[in-house]
Amino acid sequence: MAHLSEAAEAQIIEICDRYKDERTPLMMILSDIQKEYGYIPLEVQELVSQKTGKSVAEIYGVVTFYSFFSLAPKGKYIIGCCLGTACYVKGAQQVIDKFSDILGIQPGQTTADGLFTIDALRCIGACGIAPAVSINGKVYPKVEVSAVQGIIDELRGGENA
């Protein structure tokens, strides 16, 4: 816990206390921490363990099982490429490969500048507009490999505005 600031530690304790009367509070606690900080590192898991009595192993198991939790910080732009069946058949693998090539990272990784994270997603429920890409909640329909550079440029352009 040496890496946590006093303010962060106090806020995490407050989040844990918020659910102290719940029978199964772990998912709610972790969800609130993920929303607040964007990830759940080991130091935070240790503090949650102390507050809830759950083992760090159990907490780590939950964090690593569910894809919406993260052990490391994510980029400002989280590029989620759907690899569900409909998207895959329509060329989603080539789309995610192009994002990876241009950004120099693999799915699950974040660029060194902290700007982009690529996530490989299972079905996002946008089968009719396959292949679909979700960036910070905005869905891009029928993304073609030739459009990937333009999407990245558009996002980078927003950084200069």
N, C-alpha and C. Protein backbone atom coordinates (compact mmCIF):
# COMPACT_ATOMS: atom_id res chain seq x y z
N MET A 1 0.82 -1.20 0.00
CA MET A 1 0.00 0.00 0.00
C MET A 1 0.86 1.26 0.00
N ALA A 2 2.14 1.12 -0.10
CA ALA A 2 3.02 2.27 -0.05
C ALA A 2 2.79 3.23 -1.21
N HIS A 3 2.23 2.75 -2.31
CA HIS A 3 2.03 3.59 -3.48
C HIS A 3 0.75 4.43 -3.42
N LEU A 4 -0.16 4.10 -2.51
CA LEU A 4 -1.43 4.82 -2.43
C LEU A 4 -1.26 6.10 -1.63
N SER A 5 -1.80 7.19 -2.15
CA SER A 5 -1.81 8.43 -1.39
C SER A 5 -2.81 8.31 -0.25
N GLU A 6 -2.69 9.17 0.73
CA GLU A 6 -3.63 9.13 1.85
C GLU A 6 -5.05 9.40 1.37
N ALA A 7 -5.19 10.32 0.42
CA ALA A 7 -6.52 10.65 -0.11
C ALA A 7 -7.12 9.45 -0.83
N ALA A 8 -6.32 8.75 -1.64
CA ALA A 8 -6.81 7.56 -2.35
C ALA A 8 -7.18 6.47 -1.37
N GLU A 9 -6.34 6.27 -0.36
CA GLU A 9 -6.63 5.25 0.64
C GLU A 9 -7.93 5.56 1.36
N ALA A 10 -8.13 6.83 1.73
CA ALA A 10 -9.36 7.24 2.41
C ALA A 10 -10.58 7.01 1.53
N GLN A 11 -10.44 7.31 0.24
CA GLN A 11 -11.57 7.13 -0.66
C GLN A 11 -11.91 5.65 -0.85
N ILE A 12 -10.91 4.81 -0.93
CA ILE A 12 -11.15 3.37 -1.09
C ILE A 12 -11.80 2.81 0.17
N ILE A 13 -11.36 3.27 1.34
CA ILE A 13 -11.99 2.86 2.59
C ILE A 13 -13.45 3.30 2.61
N GLU A 14 -13.71 4.52 2.14
CA GLU A 14 -15.09 5.03 2.09
C GLU A 14 -15.94 4.17 1.16
N ILE A 15 -15.39 3.77 0.02
CA ILE A 15 -16.12 2.90 -0.91
C ILE A 15 -16.43 1.56 -0.24
N CYS A 16 -15.46 1.00 0.46
CA CYS A 16 -15.68 -0.29 1.16
C CYS A 16 -16.75 -0.13 2.22
N ASP A 17 -16.68 0.96 2.98
CA ASP A 17 -17.66 1.20 4.05
C ASP A 17 -19.07 1.40 3.51
N ARG A 18 -19.16 1.94 2.30
CA ARG A 18 -20.45 2.17 1.65
C ARG A 18 -21.27 0.88 1.54
N TYR A 19 -20.58 -0.25 1.41
CA TYR A 19 -21.26 -1.54 1.18
C TYR A 19 -21.10 -2.51 2.35
N LYS A 20 -20.75 -2.01 3.52
CA LYS A 20 -20.48 -2.90 4.66
C LYS A 20 -21.69 -3.71 5.11
N ASP A 21 -22.91 -3.23 4.82
CA ASP A 21 -24.11 -3.95 5.24
C ASP A 21 -24.64 -4.90 4.16
N GLU A 22 -23.97 -4.95 3.02
CA GLU A 22 -24.37 -5.85 1.94
C GLU A 22 -23.87 -7.26 2.23
N ARG A 23 -24.65 -8.25 1.82
CA ARG A 23 -24.22 -9.64 2.02
C ARG A 23 -23.03 -10.01 1.14
N THR A 24 -23.04 -9.53 -0.10
CA THR A 24 -21.94 -9.83 -1.03
C THR A 24 -21.48 -8.52 -1.68
N PRO A 25 -20.64 -7.78 -1.00
CA PRO A 25 -20.29 -6.44 -1.46
C PRO A 25 -19.14 -6.35 -2.47
N LEU A 26 -18.41 -7.42 -2.69
CA LEU A 26 -17.16 -7.33 -3.43
C LEU A 26 -17.31 -6.74 -4.83
N MET A 27 -18.27 -7.22 -5.60
CA MET A 27 -18.44 -6.71 -6.97
C MET A 27 -18.78 -5.22 -6.97
N MET A 28 -19.61 -4.79 -6.03
CA MET A 28 -19.98 -3.37 -5.96
C MET A 28 -18.78 -2.52 -5.59
N ILE A 29 -18.00 -2.98 -4.63
CA ILE A 29 -16.80 -2.24 -4.22
C ILE A 29 -15.83 -2.13 -5.39
N LEU A 30 -15.53 -3.26 -6.03
CA LEU A 30 -14.57 -3.24 -7.14
C LEU A 30 -15.08 -2.40 -8.30
N SER A 31 -16.36 -2.47 -8.57
CA SER A 31 -16.94 -1.66 -9.65
C SER A 31 -16.78 -0.18 -9.37
N ASP A 32 -17.05 0.25 -8.15
CA ASP A 32 -16.90 1.66 -7.80
C ASP A 32 -15.44 2.11 -7.88
N ILE A 33 -14.53 1.25 -7.45
CA ILE A 33 -13.10 1.58 -7.52
C ILE A 33 -12.67 1.68 -8.98
N GLN A 34 -13.11 0.74 -9.81
CA GLN A 34 -12.78 0.76 -11.24
C GLN A 34 -13.29 2.06 -11.88
N LYS A 35 -14.53 2.45 -11.55
CA LYS A 35 -15.09 3.69 -12.11
C LYS A 35 -14.30 4.90 -11.66
N GLU A 36 -13.87 4.90 -10.43
CA GLU A 36 -13.16 6.06 -9.86
C GLU A 36 -11.74 6.18 -10.38
N TYR A 37 -11.01 5.07 -10.44
CA TYR A 37 -9.58 5.12 -10.76
C TYR A 37 -9.21 4.53 -12.12
N GLY A 38 -10.12 3.76 -12.72
CA GLY A 38 -9.85 3.19 -14.02
C GLY A 38 -9.13 1.86 -13.99
N TYR A 39 -8.67 1.45 -12.81
CA TYR A 39 -8.02 0.16 -12.66
C TYR A 39 -7.92 -0.20 -11.19
N ILE A 40 -7.55 -1.47 -10.91
CA ILE A 40 -7.51 -1.97 -9.54
C ILE A 40 -6.17 -2.68 -9.32
N PRO A 41 -5.13 -1.93 -8.95
CA PRO A 41 -3.81 -2.54 -8.75
C PRO A 41 -3.76 -3.36 -7.45
N LEU A 42 -2.67 -4.09 -7.28
CA LEU A 42 -2.51 -4.98 -6.13
C LEU A 42 -2.62 -4.23 -4.81
N GLU A 43 -2.05 -3.03 -4.71
CA GLU A 43 -2.12 -2.26 -3.47
C GLU A 43 -3.57 -2.00 -3.05
N VAL A 44 -4.41 -1.74 -4.02
CA VAL A 44 -5.82 -1.50 -3.75
C VAL A 44 -6.50 -2.80 -3.34
N GLN A 45 -6.16 -3.89 -4.01
CA GLN A 45 -6.73 -5.19 -3.65
C GLN A 45 -6.37 -5.56 -2.21
N GLU A 46 -5.15 -5.23 -1.79
CA GLU A 46 -4.74 -5.51 -0.42
C GLU A 46 -5.57 -4.71 0.58
N LEU A 47 -5.83 -3.45 0.27
CA LEU A 47 -6.64 -2.62 1.16
C LEU A 47 -8.09 -3.13 1.22
N VAL A 48 -8.63 -3.50 0.06
CA VAL A 48 -9.99 -4.06 0.03
C VAL A 48 -10.03 -5.36 0.84
N SER A 49 -8.99 -6.15 0.76
CA SER A 49 -8.91 -7.39 1.54
C SER A 49 -8.97 -7.09 3.03
N GLN A 50 -8.21 -6.11 3.47
CA GLN A 50 -8.22 -5.73 4.89
C GLN A 50 -9.60 -5.27 5.34
N LYS A 51 -10.27 -4.51 4.49
CA LYS A 51 -11.58 -3.94 4.86
C LYS A 51 -12.71 -4.96 4.80
N THR A 52 -12.62 -5.93 3.90
CA THR A 52 -13.73 -6.87 3.70
C THR A 52 -13.51 -8.23 4.33
N GLY A 53 -12.26 -8.57 4.64
CA GLY A 53 -11.96 -9.90 5.15
C GLY A 53 -11.82 -10.94 4.05
N LYS A 54 -12.00 -10.54 2.81
CA LYS A 54 -11.80 -11.45 1.67
C LYS A 54 -10.29 -11.56 1.41
N SER A 55 -9.85 -12.72 0.97
CA SER A 55 -8.43 -12.90 0.69
C SER A 55 -8.05 -12.12 -0.58
N VAL A 56 -6.79 -11.73 -0.64
CA VAL A 56 -6.29 -11.06 -1.84
C VAL A 56 -6.43 -11.99 -3.05
N ALA A 57 -6.24 -13.28 -2.83
CA ALA A 57 -6.38 -14.25 -3.93
C ALA A 57 -7.79 -14.24 -4.49
N GLU A 58 -8.80 -14.18 -3.61
CA GLU A 58 -10.18 -14.15 -4.08
C GLU A 58 -10.47 -12.85 -4.85
N ILE A 59 -9.98 -11.75 -4.32
CA ILE A 59 -10.19 -10.46 -4.98
C ILE A 59 -9.49 -10.44 -6.33
N TYR A 60 -8.25 -10.91 -6.37
CA TYR A 60 -7.49 -10.98 -7.62
C TYR A 60 -8.22 -11.87 -8.63
N GLY A 61 -8.78 -12.96 -8.17
CA GLY A 61 -9.53 -13.86 -9.05
C GLY A 61 -10.71 -13.16 -9.69
N VAL A 62 -11.42 -12.35 -8.92
CA VAL A 62 -12.56 -11.60 -9.46
C VAL A 62 -12.08 -10.56 -10.46
N VAL A 63 -11.04 -9.81 -10.09
CA VAL A 63 -10.53 -8.74 -10.96
C VAL A 63 -10.04 -9.31 -12.29
N THR A 64 -9.39 -10.45 -12.26
CA THR A 64 -8.85 -11.01 -13.50
C THR A 64 -9.88 -11.81 -14.30
N PHE A 65 -10.95 -12.25 -13.65
CA PHE A 65 -11.98 -13.02 -14.36
C PHE A 65 -12.86 -12.11 -15.22
N TYR A 66 -13.27 -10.98 -14.68
CA TYR A 66 -14.20 -10.10 -15.38
C TYR A 66 -13.43 -9.09 -16.22
N SER A 67 -13.75 -9.03 -17.51
CA SER A 67 -12.99 -8.20 -18.45
C SER A 67 -13.18 -6.70 -18.21
N PHE A 68 -14.23 -6.30 -17.49
CA PHE A 68 -14.42 -4.87 -17.28
C PHE A 68 -13.56 -4.34 -16.14
N PHE A 69 -12.88 -5.23 -15.40
CA PHE A 69 -11.90 -4.79 -14.41
C PHE A 69 -10.52 -4.83 -15.04
N SER A 70 -9.63 -3.98 -14.56
CA SER A 70 -8.29 -3.91 -15.12
C SER A 70 -7.27 -3.81 -13.99
N LEU A 71 -6.13 -4.46 -14.16
CA LEU A 71 -5.04 -4.40 -13.20
C LEU A 71 -4.10 -3.22 -13.48
N ALA A 72 -4.19 -2.66 -14.66
CA ALA A 72 -3.29 -1.58 -15.06
C ALA A 72 -4.11 -0.42 -15.62
N PRO A 73 -3.54 0.78 -15.56
CA PRO A 73 -4.28 1.92 -16.12
C PRO A 73 -4.52 1.75 -17.61
N LYS A 74 -5.65 2.24 -18.04
CA LYS A 74 -5.98 2.19 -19.47
C LYS A 74 -5.74 3.57 -20.07
N GLY A 75 -5.70 3.61 -21.39
CA GLY A 75 -5.46 4.86 -22.09
C GLY A 75 -6.67 5.78 -22.05
N LYS A 76 -6.43 7.00 -22.47
CA LYS A 76 -7.52 7.98 -22.56
C LYS A 76 -8.59 7.48 -23.52
N TYR A 77 -8.16 6.85 -24.61
CA TYR A 77 -9.07 6.29 -25.60
C TYR A 77 -8.98 4.77 -25.54
N ILE A 78 -10.06 4.13 -25.17
CA ILE A 78 -10.10 2.67 -25.09
C ILE A 78 -10.80 2.16 -26.35
N ILE A 79 -10.01 1.56 -27.21
CA ILE A 79 -10.49 1.07 -28.51
C ILE A 79 -10.88 -0.39 -28.33
N GLY A 80 -12.17 -0.65 -28.32
CA GLY A 80 -12.67 -2.00 -28.17
C GLY A 80 -13.11 -2.55 -29.52
N CYS A 81 -12.38 -3.53 -30.00
CA CYS A 81 -12.71 -4.14 -31.28
C CYS A 81 -13.49 -5.43 -31.02
N CYS A 82 -14.72 -5.47 -31.53
CA CYS A 82 -15.56 -6.65 -31.35
C CYS A 82 -15.02 -7.78 -32.22
N LEU A 83 -14.82 -8.93 -31.58
CA LEU A 83 -14.39 -10.13 -32.31
C LEU A 83 -15.44 -11.23 -32.22
N GLY A 84 -16.69 -10.83 -31.95
CA GLY A 84 -17.79 -11.78 -31.97
C GLY A 84 -17.94 -12.37 -33.37
N THR A 85 -18.74 -13.38 -33.51
CA THR A 85 -18.84 -14.11 -34.77
C THR A 85 -19.16 -13.22 -35.96
N ALA A 86 -20.20 -12.40 -35.87
CA ALA A 86 -20.58 -11.55 -37.01
C ALA A 86 -19.47 -10.59 -37.38
N CYS A 87 -18.87 -9.96 -36.38
CA CYS A 87 -17.78 -9.01 -36.65
C CYS A 87 -16.55 -9.73 -37.21
N TYR A 88 -16.24 -10.89 -36.63
CA TYR A 88 -15.08 -11.65 -37.09
C TYR A 88 -15.23 -12.03 -38.56
N VAL A 89 -16.41 -12.53 -38.92
CA VAL A 89 -16.67 -12.94 -40.31
C VAL A 89 -16.54 -11.75 -41.26
N LYS A 90 -16.87 -10.56 -40.78
CA LYS A 90 -16.81 -9.35 -41.62
C LYS A 90 -15.45 -8.67 -41.60
N GLY A 91 -14.44 -9.30 -40.98
CA GLY A 91 -13.07 -8.78 -41.05
C GLY A 91 -12.56 -8.06 -39.81
N ALA A 92 -13.17 -8.31 -38.66
CA ALA A 92 -12.75 -7.62 -37.43
C ALA A 92 -11.31 -7.94 -37.04
N GLN A 93 -10.84 -9.14 -37.32
CA GLN A 93 -9.45 -9.48 -36.96
C GLN A 93 -8.47 -8.58 -37.71
N GLN A 94 -8.75 -8.32 -38.98
CA GLN A 94 -7.88 -7.45 -39.75
C GLN A 94 -7.93 -6.01 -39.21
N VAL A 95 -9.11 -5.60 -38.74
CA VAL A 95 -9.26 -4.25 -38.17
C VAL A 95 -8.44 -4.12 -36.89
N ILE A 96 -8.56 -5.07 -35.99
CA ILE A 96 -7.80 -4.99 -34.73
C ILE A 96 -6.30 -5.11 -35.01
N ASP A 97 -5.92 -5.92 -36.00
CA ASP A 97 -4.51 -6.03 -36.38
C ASP A 97 -3.98 -4.69 -36.88
N LYS A 98 -4.79 -3.95 -37.63
CA LYS A 98 -4.37 -2.65 -38.14
C LYS A 98 -4.20 -1.65 -37.00
N PHE A 99 -5.13 -1.62 -36.05
CA PHE A 99 -4.97 -0.76 -34.87
C PHE A 99 -3.66 -1.11 -34.17
N SER A 100 -3.40 -2.41 -34.01
CA SER A 100 -2.18 -2.86 -33.33
C SER A 100 -0.93 -2.42 -34.09
N ASP A 101 -0.94 -2.58 -35.41
CA ASP A 101 0.21 -2.20 -36.22
C ASP A 101 0.50 -0.70 -36.12
N ILE A 102 -0.53 0.11 -36.25
CA ILE A 102 -0.35 1.55 -36.24
C ILE A 102 0.10 2.05 -34.86
N LEU A 103 -0.51 1.51 -33.81
CA LEU A 103 -0.22 1.99 -32.45
C LEU A 103 0.97 1.29 -31.81
N GLY A 104 1.41 0.18 -32.39
CA GLY A 104 2.57 -0.53 -31.87
C GLY A 104 2.30 -1.27 -30.56
N ILE A 105 1.06 -1.65 -30.33
CA ILE A 105 0.69 -2.40 -29.12
C ILE A 105 -0.24 -3.54 -29.50
N GLN A 106 -0.37 -4.49 -28.61
CA GLN A 106 -1.26 -5.63 -28.80
C GLN A 106 -2.53 -5.43 -27.98
N PRO A 107 -3.60 -6.16 -28.29
CA PRO A 107 -4.81 -6.07 -27.46
C PRO A 107 -4.47 -6.31 -25.99
N GLY A 108 -5.07 -5.49 -25.13
CA GLY A 108 -4.79 -5.55 -23.71
C GLY A 108 -3.67 -4.63 -23.26
N GLN A 109 -3.03 -3.98 -24.22
CA GLN A 109 -1.92 -3.08 -23.90
C GLN A 109 -2.30 -1.62 -24.11
N THR A 110 -1.50 -0.73 -23.52
CA THR A 110 -1.70 0.72 -23.61
C THR A 110 -0.43 1.34 -24.18
N THR A 111 -0.60 2.34 -25.04
CA THR A 111 0.56 3.03 -25.60
C THR A 111 1.34 3.73 -24.50
N ALA A 112 2.64 3.92 -24.72
CA ALA A 112 3.52 4.52 -23.72
C ALA A 112 3.08 5.93 -23.33
N ASP A 113 2.44 6.65 -24.26
CA ASP A 113 1.98 8.00 -23.94
C ASP A 113 0.67 8.02 -23.17
N GLY A 114 0.10 6.82 -22.92
CA GLY A 114 -1.13 6.72 -22.15
C GLY A 114 -2.37 7.14 -22.91
N LEU A 115 -2.26 7.28 -24.21
CA LEU A 115 -3.38 7.78 -25.00
C LEU A 115 -4.33 6.67 -25.45
N PHE A 116 -3.80 5.52 -25.87
CA PHE A 116 -4.63 4.46 -26.45
C PHE A 116 -4.46 3.12 -25.74
N THR A 117 -5.57 2.43 -25.57
CA THR A 117 -5.59 1.03 -25.15
C THR A 117 -6.42 0.28 -26.18
N ILE A 118 -5.95 -0.90 -26.56
CA ILE A 118 -6.73 -1.75 -27.46
C ILE A 118 -7.27 -2.92 -26.65
N ASP A 119 -8.57 -3.16 -26.76
CA ASP A 119 -9.19 -4.31 -26.12
C ASP A 119 -9.89 -5.15 -27.17
N ALA A 120 -9.68 -6.46 -27.10
CA ALA A 120 -10.43 -7.40 -27.94
C ALA A 120 -11.68 -7.76 -27.17
N LEU A 121 -12.83 -7.48 -27.74
CA LEU A 121 -14.11 -7.72 -27.07
C LEU A 121 -14.83 -8.89 -27.70
N ARG A 122 -15.64 -9.54 -26.92
CA ARG A 122 -16.54 -10.53 -27.49
C ARG A 122 -17.76 -9.76 -27.97
N CYS A 123 -18.81 -10.37 -28.33
CA CYS A 123 -19.95 -9.70 -28.95
C CYS A 123 -20.41 -8.48 -28.15
N ILE A 124 -20.52 -7.34 -28.83
CA ILE A 124 -21.01 -6.12 -28.18
C ILE A 124 -22.46 -5.83 -28.56
N GLY A 125 -23.08 -6.77 -29.27
CA GLY A 125 -24.49 -6.62 -29.63
C GLY A 125 -24.74 -5.69 -30.79
N ALA A 126 -23.74 -5.52 -31.63
CA ALA A 126 -23.88 -4.64 -32.79
C ALA A 126 -23.69 -5.43 -34.08
N CYS A 127 -24.23 -6.62 -34.11
CA CYS A 127 -24.00 -7.55 -35.21
C CYS A 127 -24.46 -6.99 -36.57
N GLY A 128 -25.50 -6.19 -36.57
CA GLY A 128 -26.02 -5.63 -37.81
C GLY A 128 -25.11 -4.60 -38.45
N ILE A 129 -24.14 -4.09 -37.68
CA ILE A 129 -23.22 -3.07 -38.21
C ILE A 129 -21.77 -3.57 -38.15
N ALA A 130 -21.60 -4.87 -38.27
CA ALA A 130 -20.29 -5.50 -38.18
C ALA A 130 -19.41 -5.10 -39.36
N PRO A 131 -18.10 -5.02 -39.12
CA PRO A 131 -17.41 -5.10 -37.85
C PRO A 131 -17.51 -3.78 -37.07
N ALA A 132 -17.80 -3.91 -35.79
CA ALA A 132 -18.01 -2.74 -34.94
C ALA A 132 -16.82 -2.51 -34.03
N VAL A 133 -16.53 -1.22 -33.81
CA VAL A 133 -15.47 -0.81 -32.89
C VAL A 133 -16.10 0.19 -31.93
N SER A 134 -15.81 0.00 -30.65
CA SER A 134 -16.30 0.92 -29.63
C SER A 134 -15.12 1.69 -29.06
N ILE A 135 -15.22 3.03 -29.07
CA ILE A 135 -14.17 3.85 -28.50
C ILE A 135 -14.81 4.75 -27.46
N ASN A 136 -14.48 4.45 -26.19
CA ASN A 136 -15.04 5.19 -25.05
C ASN A 136 -16.56 5.26 -25.12
N GLY A 137 -17.18 4.17 -25.55
CA GLY A 137 -18.63 4.10 -25.57
C GLY A 137 -19.27 4.50 -26.89
N LYS A 138 -18.54 5.16 -27.77
CA LYS A 138 -19.07 5.52 -29.08
C LYS A 138 -18.80 4.35 -30.03
N VAL A 139 -19.85 3.89 -30.70
CA VAL A 139 -19.71 2.74 -31.59
C VAL A 139 -19.50 3.22 -33.02
N TYR A 140 -18.45 2.71 -33.63
CA TYR A 140 -18.14 2.99 -35.03
C TYR A 140 -18.64 1.80 -35.84
N PRO A 141 -19.58 2.01 -36.78
CA PRO A 141 -20.15 0.89 -37.54
C PRO A 141 -19.33 0.53 -38.78
N LYS A 142 -19.40 -0.73 -39.16
CA LYS A 142 -18.82 -1.22 -40.41
C LYS A 142 -17.42 -0.68 -40.67
N VAL A 143 -16.55 -0.81 -39.68
CA VAL A 143 -15.20 -0.27 -39.77
C VAL A 143 -14.38 -1.11 -40.75
N GLU A 144 -13.79 -0.43 -41.70
CA GLU A 144 -12.91 -1.09 -42.66
C GLU A 144 -11.46 -0.80 -42.28
N VAL A 145 -10.58 -1.71 -42.66
CA VAL A 145 -9.16 -1.55 -42.37
C VAL A 145 -8.66 -0.19 -42.86
N SER A 146 -9.14 0.23 -44.00
CA SER A 146 -8.69 1.51 -44.58
C SER A 146 -9.12 2.72 -43.74
N ALA A 147 -10.07 2.55 -42.83
CA ALA A 147 -10.56 3.67 -42.00
C ALA A 147 -9.80 3.81 -40.68
N VAL A 148 -9.01 2.82 -40.33
CA VAL A 148 -8.37 2.80 -39.00
C VAL A 148 -7.44 3.99 -38.81
N GLN A 149 -6.59 4.29 -39.77
CA GLN A 149 -5.66 5.42 -39.63
C GLN A 149 -6.42 6.73 -39.42
N GLY A 150 -7.51 6.91 -40.14
CA GLY A 150 -8.32 8.12 -40.00
C GLY A 150 -8.94 8.24 -38.62
N ILE A 151 -9.37 7.12 -38.06
CA ILE A 151 -9.95 7.12 -36.72
C ILE A 151 -8.88 7.54 -35.70
N ILE A 152 -7.70 6.98 -35.82
CA ILE A 152 -6.61 7.32 -34.90
C ILE A 152 -6.24 8.80 -35.06
N ASP A 153 -6.14 9.26 -36.30
CA ASP A 153 -5.80 10.67 -36.55
C ASP A 153 -6.85 11.60 -35.96
N GLU A 154 -8.13 11.22 -36.10
CA GLU A 154 -9.22 12.02 -35.53
C GLU A 154 -9.09 12.12 -34.02
N LEU A 155 -8.78 11.01 -33.37
CA LEU A 155 -8.61 11.03 -31.92
C LEU A 155 -7.39 11.83 -31.51
N ARG A 156 -6.31 11.67 -32.23
CA ARG A 156 -5.11 12.45 -31.92
C ARG A 156 -5.33 13.93 -32.17
N GLY A 157 -6.13 14.25 -33.19
CA GLY A 157 -6.47 15.65 -33.47
C GLY A 157 -7.22 16.30 -32.33
N GLY A 158 -8.05 15.50 -31.66
CA GLY A 158 -8.79 16.00 -30.51
C GLY A 158 -7.85 16.36 -29.35
N GLU A 159 -6.65 15.80 -29.36
CA GLU A 159 -5.67 16.11 -28.32
C GLU A 159 -5.09 17.50 -28.50
N ASN A 160 -5.07 17.98 -29.74
CA ASN A 160 -4.48 19.29 -30.02
C ASN A 160 -5.48 20.42 -29.94
N ALA A 161 -6.74 20.07 -29.79
CA ALA A 161 -7.77 21.11 -29.76
C ALA A 161 -7.86 21.77 -28.41
